[in-house]
N, C-alpha and C. Protein backbone atom coordinates (compact mmCIF):
# COMPACT_ATOMS: atom_id res chain seq x y z
N MET A 1 0.84 -1.18 0.00
CA MET A 1 0.00 0.00 0.00
C MET A 1 0.88 1.24 0.00
N GLU A 2 0.53 2.21 -0.77
CA GLU A 2 1.30 3.44 -0.87
C GLU A 2 0.60 4.56 -0.11
N PHE A 3 1.37 5.34 0.63
CA PHE A 3 0.83 6.42 1.43
C PHE A 3 1.40 7.75 0.96
N ALA A 4 0.63 8.81 1.16
CA ALA A 4 1.08 10.17 0.84
C ALA A 4 0.71 11.08 2.01
N ASP A 5 1.53 12.10 2.26
CA ASP A 5 1.24 13.05 3.33
C ASP A 5 -0.16 13.62 3.16
N MET A 6 -0.86 13.78 4.30
CA MET A 6 -2.21 14.34 4.29
C MET A 6 -2.26 15.51 5.26
N SER A 7 -3.01 16.54 4.91
CA SER A 7 -3.22 17.67 5.80
C SER A 7 -4.54 17.43 6.54
N LEU A 8 -4.47 17.46 7.87
CA LEU A 8 -5.65 17.26 8.70
C LEU A 8 -5.85 18.48 9.59
N GLN A 9 -7.04 18.60 10.17
CA GLN A 9 -7.33 19.70 11.08
C GLN A 9 -7.58 19.14 12.47
N CYS A 10 -6.92 19.71 13.47
CA CYS A 10 -7.04 19.28 14.85
C CYS A 10 -8.41 19.63 15.40
N ARG A 11 -9.07 18.66 16.01
CA ARG A 11 -10.40 18.93 16.57
C ARG A 11 -10.30 19.69 17.89
N GLU A 12 -9.11 19.70 18.49
CA GLU A 12 -8.92 20.39 19.77
C GLU A 12 -8.65 21.88 19.57
N CYS A 13 -7.63 22.21 18.77
CA CYS A 13 -7.23 23.62 18.61
C CYS A 13 -7.56 24.18 17.23
N GLY A 14 -7.96 23.33 16.29
CA GLY A 14 -8.32 23.78 14.96
C GLY A 14 -7.15 24.00 14.01
N ALA A 15 -5.94 23.79 14.47
CA ALA A 15 -4.76 24.00 13.63
C ALA A 15 -4.62 22.88 12.60
N ALA A 16 -4.08 23.23 11.46
CA ALA A 16 -3.79 22.22 10.43
C ALA A 16 -2.47 21.54 10.80
N PHE A 17 -2.40 20.23 10.56
CA PHE A 17 -1.16 19.49 10.77
C PHE A 17 -1.04 18.42 9.70
N VAL A 18 0.18 17.98 9.47
CA VAL A 18 0.44 17.00 8.43
C VAL A 18 0.54 15.61 9.05
N TRP A 19 -0.23 14.69 8.51
CA TRP A 19 -0.14 13.28 8.88
C TRP A 19 0.73 12.65 7.81
N THR A 20 1.98 12.38 8.15
CA THR A 20 2.95 11.96 7.15
C THR A 20 2.70 10.55 6.65
N ALA A 21 3.27 10.24 5.50
CA ALA A 21 3.17 8.90 4.93
C ALA A 21 3.76 7.88 5.89
N GLY A 22 4.85 8.23 6.55
CA GLY A 22 5.47 7.33 7.52
C GLY A 22 4.55 7.03 8.69
N GLU A 23 3.86 8.05 9.19
CA GLU A 23 2.91 7.84 10.29
C GLU A 23 1.75 6.97 9.83
N GLN A 24 1.30 7.18 8.60
CA GLN A 24 0.20 6.37 8.06
C GLN A 24 0.63 4.91 7.95
N ALA A 25 1.86 4.68 7.51
CA ALA A 25 2.36 3.30 7.41
C ALA A 25 2.43 2.66 8.79
N PHE A 26 2.86 3.44 9.80
CA PHE A 26 2.91 2.94 11.17
C PHE A 26 1.51 2.56 11.65
N TYR A 27 0.53 3.42 11.40
CA TYR A 27 -0.86 3.14 11.80
C TYR A 27 -1.33 1.85 11.13
N ALA A 28 -1.05 1.69 9.85
CA ALA A 28 -1.48 0.50 9.12
C ALA A 28 -0.80 -0.75 9.69
N GLU A 29 0.49 -0.63 10.00
CA GLU A 29 1.25 -1.77 10.55
C GLU A 29 0.67 -2.22 11.89
N LYS A 30 0.21 -1.27 12.69
CA LYS A 30 -0.35 -1.58 14.01
C LYS A 30 -1.83 -1.92 13.95
N GLY A 31 -2.43 -1.84 12.76
CA GLY A 31 -3.85 -2.17 12.62
C GLY A 31 -4.78 -1.06 13.04
N LEU A 32 -4.27 0.16 13.19
CA LEU A 32 -5.11 1.30 13.56
C LEU A 32 -5.85 1.79 12.33
N GLN A 33 -7.14 2.02 12.46
CA GLN A 33 -7.95 2.34 11.30
C GLN A 33 -8.38 3.80 11.22
N ASN A 34 -8.34 4.52 12.34
CA ASN A 34 -8.80 5.91 12.35
C ASN A 34 -7.64 6.88 12.19
N GLN A 35 -7.88 7.96 11.48
CA GLN A 35 -6.90 9.02 11.36
C GLN A 35 -6.79 9.75 12.70
N PRO A 36 -5.62 10.33 13.00
CA PRO A 36 -5.53 11.10 14.25
C PRO A 36 -6.45 12.32 14.18
N ALA A 37 -7.11 12.60 15.28
CA ALA A 37 -8.04 13.73 15.32
C ALA A 37 -7.40 14.97 15.93
N ARG A 38 -6.25 14.79 16.58
CA ARG A 38 -5.57 15.91 17.24
C ARG A 38 -4.16 16.07 16.71
N CYS A 39 -3.66 17.29 16.70
CA CYS A 39 -2.29 17.57 16.27
C CYS A 39 -1.32 17.00 17.31
N PRO A 40 -0.06 16.84 16.95
CA PRO A 40 0.91 16.29 17.90
C PRO A 40 0.99 17.06 19.21
N THR A 41 0.87 18.38 19.18
CA THR A 41 0.93 19.19 20.39
C THR A 41 -0.24 18.89 21.31
N CYS A 42 -1.44 18.83 20.75
CA CYS A 42 -2.63 18.53 21.56
C CYS A 42 -2.62 17.08 22.05
N ARG A 43 -2.11 16.16 21.24
CA ARG A 43 -1.99 14.76 21.68
C ARG A 43 -1.05 14.67 22.87
N ALA A 44 0.09 15.37 22.81
CA ALA A 44 1.05 15.33 23.91
C ALA A 44 0.45 15.95 25.18
N ALA A 45 -0.26 17.07 25.03
CA ALA A 45 -0.88 17.72 26.19
C ALA A 45 -1.94 16.81 26.80
N ARG A 46 -2.71 16.15 25.97
CA ARG A 46 -3.76 15.24 26.45
C ARG A 46 -3.15 14.06 27.20
N LYS A 47 -2.06 13.51 26.66
CA LYS A 47 -1.38 12.39 27.30
C LYS A 47 -0.81 12.82 28.65
N ALA A 48 -0.17 14.00 28.70
CA ALA A 48 0.39 14.50 29.94
C ALA A 48 -0.70 14.70 30.99
N ALA A 49 -1.83 15.22 30.58
CA ALA A 49 -2.95 15.43 31.51
C ALA A 49 -3.46 14.09 32.04
N ARG A 50 -3.54 13.09 31.16
CA ARG A 50 -3.98 11.76 31.57
C ARG A 50 -3.05 11.17 32.63
N LEU A 51 -1.75 11.44 32.49
CA LEU A 51 -0.76 10.90 33.42
C LEU A 51 -0.56 11.80 34.63
N GLY A 52 -1.26 12.95 34.67
CA GLY A 52 -1.13 13.87 35.79
C GLY A 52 0.16 14.66 35.76
N LEU A 53 0.72 14.88 34.58
CA LEU A 53 1.98 15.60 34.43
C LEU A 53 1.74 16.99 33.86
N ALA A 54 2.69 17.87 34.09
CA ALA A 54 2.66 19.17 33.44
C ALA A 54 3.08 18.96 31.98
N PRO A 55 2.60 19.78 31.05
CA PRO A 55 3.01 19.62 29.65
C PRO A 55 4.53 19.64 29.52
N GLY A 56 5.07 18.67 28.81
CA GLY A 56 6.51 18.58 28.61
C GLY A 56 7.24 17.81 29.70
N GLU A 57 6.58 17.55 30.82
CA GLU A 57 7.21 16.80 31.91
C GLU A 57 7.22 15.33 31.55
N LYS A 58 8.32 14.64 31.86
CA LYS A 58 8.45 13.22 31.54
C LYS A 58 8.55 12.40 32.82
N VAL A 59 8.08 11.18 32.75
CA VAL A 59 8.20 10.26 33.86
C VAL A 59 9.51 9.50 33.69
N GLU A 60 10.31 9.44 34.72
CA GLU A 60 11.57 8.71 34.69
C GLU A 60 11.46 7.52 35.65
N HIS A 61 11.98 6.37 35.22
CA HIS A 61 11.94 5.16 36.02
C HIS A 61 13.35 4.76 36.42
N PRO A 62 13.59 4.51 37.71
CA PRO A 62 14.94 4.14 38.15
C PRO A 62 15.30 2.73 37.69
N VAL A 63 16.54 2.56 37.20
CA VAL A 63 17.04 1.25 36.77
C VAL A 63 18.52 1.16 37.13
N VAL A 64 19.04 -0.05 37.06
CA VAL A 64 20.47 -0.29 37.23
C VAL A 64 21.01 -0.73 35.88
N CYS A 65 22.07 -0.08 35.42
CA CYS A 65 22.67 -0.38 34.12
C CYS A 65 23.11 -1.84 34.08
N ALA A 66 22.75 -2.55 33.03
CA ALA A 66 23.10 -3.96 32.87
C ALA A 66 24.59 -4.15 32.57
N GLU A 67 25.27 -3.09 32.14
CA GLU A 67 26.68 -3.18 31.77
C GLU A 67 27.60 -2.83 32.94
N CYS A 68 27.38 -1.66 33.54
CA CYS A 68 28.32 -1.17 34.56
C CYS A 68 27.74 -1.14 35.98
N GLY A 69 26.45 -1.35 36.13
CA GLY A 69 25.83 -1.38 37.46
C GLY A 69 25.48 -0.02 38.04
N THR A 70 25.65 1.04 37.27
CA THR A 70 25.33 2.39 37.72
C THR A 70 23.82 2.57 37.81
N GLU A 71 23.36 3.26 38.86
CA GLU A 71 21.95 3.59 38.97
C GLU A 71 21.66 4.77 38.05
N THR A 72 20.58 4.68 37.28
CA THR A 72 20.20 5.74 36.36
C THR A 72 18.68 5.74 36.21
N THR A 73 18.15 6.60 35.37
CA THR A 73 16.72 6.60 35.09
C THR A 73 16.50 6.54 33.59
N VAL A 74 15.35 6.00 33.21
CA VAL A 74 14.98 5.90 31.80
C VAL A 74 13.53 6.37 31.65
N PRO A 75 13.16 6.89 30.46
CA PRO A 75 11.81 7.41 30.26
C PRO A 75 10.80 6.34 29.84
N PHE A 76 11.06 5.08 30.17
CA PHE A 76 10.14 4.00 29.82
C PHE A 76 10.18 2.95 30.92
N ILE A 77 9.19 2.08 30.94
CA ILE A 77 9.15 1.00 31.91
C ILE A 77 9.86 -0.20 31.28
N PRO A 78 10.97 -0.65 31.88
CA PRO A 78 11.68 -1.80 31.32
C PRO A 78 10.78 -3.04 31.34
N ARG A 79 10.80 -3.79 30.23
CA ARG A 79 9.94 -4.98 30.12
C ARG A 79 10.70 -6.13 29.48
N ASN A 80 10.16 -7.30 29.59
CA ASN A 80 10.63 -8.50 28.91
C ASN A 80 12.04 -8.92 29.28
N GLY A 81 12.57 -8.45 30.40
CA GLY A 81 13.89 -8.87 30.82
C GLY A 81 15.03 -8.39 29.93
N LYS A 82 14.76 -7.44 29.05
CA LYS A 82 15.80 -6.91 28.18
C LYS A 82 16.74 -6.03 28.98
N PRO A 83 18.04 -6.03 28.63
CA PRO A 83 18.98 -5.19 29.38
C PRO A 83 18.72 -3.71 29.16
N VAL A 84 18.93 -2.93 30.21
CA VAL A 84 18.78 -1.48 30.15
C VAL A 84 20.13 -0.90 30.53
N TYR A 85 20.58 0.11 29.76
CA TYR A 85 21.90 0.67 29.95
C TYR A 85 21.83 2.14 30.34
N CYS A 86 22.89 2.60 31.03
CA CYS A 86 23.05 4.04 31.26
C CYS A 86 23.43 4.67 29.92
N SER A 87 23.45 5.98 29.84
CA SER A 87 23.73 6.67 28.57
C SER A 87 25.08 6.28 27.99
N ASP A 88 26.12 6.25 28.82
CA ASP A 88 27.46 5.92 28.32
C ASP A 88 27.52 4.50 27.77
N CYS A 89 27.00 3.55 28.51
CA CYS A 89 27.03 2.15 28.06
C CYS A 89 26.14 1.95 26.84
N PHE A 90 25.00 2.65 26.81
CA PHE A 90 24.11 2.53 25.66
C PHE A 90 24.83 2.98 24.39
N ASP A 91 25.54 4.11 24.46
CA ASP A 91 26.29 4.59 23.30
C ASP A 91 27.35 3.58 22.88
N ARG A 92 28.06 3.02 23.85
CA ARG A 92 29.10 2.03 23.56
C ARG A 92 28.51 0.76 22.93
N VAL A 93 27.42 0.27 23.49
CA VAL A 93 26.78 -0.95 22.96
C VAL A 93 26.23 -0.69 21.56
N ARG A 94 25.64 0.48 21.35
CA ARG A 94 25.09 0.81 20.04
C ARG A 94 26.19 0.88 18.98
N LYS A 95 27.33 1.49 19.34
CA LYS A 95 28.43 1.60 18.39
C LYS A 95 29.01 0.23 18.04
N THR A 96 29.16 -0.66 19.02
CA THR A 96 29.74 -1.97 18.74
C THR A 96 28.76 -2.86 17.95
N SER A 97 27.45 -2.69 18.17
CA SER A 97 26.49 -3.51 17.43
C SER A 97 26.28 -2.97 16.02
N ALA A 98 26.63 -1.69 15.79
CA ALA A 98 26.49 -1.11 14.45
C ALA A 98 27.61 -1.55 13.52
N VAL A 99 28.74 -1.98 14.10
CA VAL A 99 29.87 -2.43 13.31
C VAL A 99 29.62 -3.86 12.87
N VAL A 100 29.51 -4.06 11.57
CA VAL A 100 29.26 -5.40 11.04
C VAL A 100 30.56 -5.92 10.45
N PRO A 101 31.06 -7.08 10.93
CA PRO A 101 32.33 -7.61 10.43
C PRO A 101 32.24 -8.08 8.99
């Protein structure tokens, strides 16, 4: 299926926003059938309000780095037993996994 950028109007603030072809492909991949009704700014504000946060505020979760053991925080809830790294170790692991022999 081929997608093209679409201009939509936010039902919250009335501003026009672009629903990109990439976003449409993501929606299709996830089985989502409805177009977004709110612009990204209003969606973020709505999500923050749902979580009881101030706009732009992020929730941080404490974790221990799987590589060096340093205590750090991440903006997501770790799941599925996957390793979580501090920023320094994450950069190091990403660089070594990007090198293909």
